[in-house]
Amino acid sequence: MSSPTQQQIKNVFKRVCAKYGITQEEIKGRNRMAHLVDARREVAILLRQLNCSYPYIAKLLSPKGGPIKHHTTAMHYLGKH
């Protein structure tokens, strides 16, 4: 399995942000509004399909300058608990 490129990761965020009409900061934020949770889940699914690890997905979904989310957060988004 190969690791995804930074461009592939950017494309995932860009595509999901466009679909939901939100910003990357909103995806990475703490707000639990349903459409943001759905967007985070979709990002996690797409990143997992690109062979990203759960800890890496959690890191990518963490707010800039904020605490890094735990890998179980990513697992929860994917229903792997």
Protein backbone atom coordinates (compact mmCIF):
# COMPACT_ATOMS: atom_id res chain seq x y z
CA MET A 1 0.00 0.00 0.00
CA SER A 2 1.31 3.40 -0.88
CA SER A 3 0.77 6.59 1.07
CA PRO A 4 -1.34 9.35 -0.47
CA THR A 5 0.34 12.48 -1.74
CA GLN A 6 -0.29 15.87 -0.17
CA GLN A 7 -2.11 16.82 -3.38
CA GLN A 8 -4.48 13.86 -3.02
CA ILE A 9 -5.21 14.87 0.56
CA LYS A 10 -5.83 18.49 -0.48
CA ASN A 11 -8.17 17.26 -3.20
CA VAL A 12 -10.21 15.27 -0.67
CA PHE A 13 -10.70 18.34 1.53
CA LYS A 14 -11.39 20.58 -1.48
CA ARG A 15 -13.99 18.18 -2.90
CA VAL A 16 -15.81 17.70 0.41
CA CYS A 17 -15.74 21.44 1.20
CA ALA A 18 -17.25 22.22 -2.21
CA LYS A 19 -19.94 19.55 -1.80
CA TYR A 20 -21.03 20.86 1.62
CA GLY A 21 -20.36 24.56 0.96
CA ILE A 22 -18.02 24.86 3.95
CA THR A 23 -14.40 25.74 4.63
CA GLN A 24 -11.57 23.46 5.65
CA GLU A 25 -11.44 25.30 8.99
CA GLU A 26 -15.07 24.34 9.60
CA ILE A 27 -14.31 20.68 8.89
CA LYS A 28 -11.42 20.83 11.34
CA GLY A 29 -13.35 22.80 13.94
CA ARG A 30 -15.16 21.63 17.04
CA ASN A 31 -18.70 22.49 15.93
CA ARG A 32 -20.96 19.43 15.93
CA MET A 33 -23.62 20.64 13.52
CA ALA A 34 -24.91 17.69 11.50
CA HIS A 35 -23.64 18.86 8.11
CA LEU A 36 -20.13 19.39 9.55
CA VAL A 37 -20.10 15.96 11.18
CA ASP A 38 -21.23 14.45 7.87
CA ALA A 39 -18.43 16.29 6.05
CA ARG A 40 -15.84 15.07 8.57
CA ARG A 41 -17.10 11.52 8.19
CA GLU A 42 -16.85 11.77 4.40
CA VAL A 43 -13.30 13.12 4.62
CA ALA A 44 -12.36 10.27 6.97
CA ILE A 45 -13.84 7.68 4.62
CA LEU A 46 -12.05 9.09 1.58
CA LEU A 47 -8.74 9.38 3.43
CA ARG A 48 -9.05 5.81 4.67
CA GLN A 49 -9.63 4.70 1.06
CA LEU A 50 -6.30 6.41 0.28
CA ASN A 51 -4.70 4.16 2.95
CA CYS A 52 -4.24 6.85 5.61
CA SER A 53 -3.89 5.51 9.15
CA TYR A 54 -6.41 6.39 11.85
CA PRO A 55 -3.89 8.54 13.76
CA TYR A 56 -3.01 10.44 10.57
CA ILE A 57 -6.69 11.02 9.72
CA ALA A 58 -7.25 12.33 13.25
CA LYS A 59 -4.28 14.66 12.86
CA LEU A 60 -5.57 15.95 9.51
CA LEU A 61 -9.01 16.62 11.02
CA SER A 62 -7.58 18.50 14.00
CA PRO A 63 -7.84 22.31 14.17
CA LYS A 64 -4.70 24.24 13.28
CA GLY A 65 -2.95 25.23 16.48
CA GLY A 66 -5.41 23.21 18.55
CA PRO A 67 -5.17 19.86 20.25
CA ILE A 68 -4.70 16.84 17.98
CA LYS A 69 -7.75 14.63 17.91
CA HIS A 70 -7.31 11.07 19.16
CA HIS A 71 -7.20 8.29 16.56
CA THR A 72 -10.38 6.82 18.05
CA THR A 73 -12.18 9.94 16.76
CA ALA A 74 -11.33 8.85 13.22
CA MET A 75 -12.39 5.31 14.03
CA HIS A 76 -15.72 6.62 15.34
CA TYR A 77 -16.33 8.54 12.09
CA LEU A 78 -15.81 5.28 10.23
CA GLY A 79 -17.90 3.19 12.62
CA LYS A 80 -14.89 1.07 13.66
CA HIS A 81 -15.39 1.08 17.44
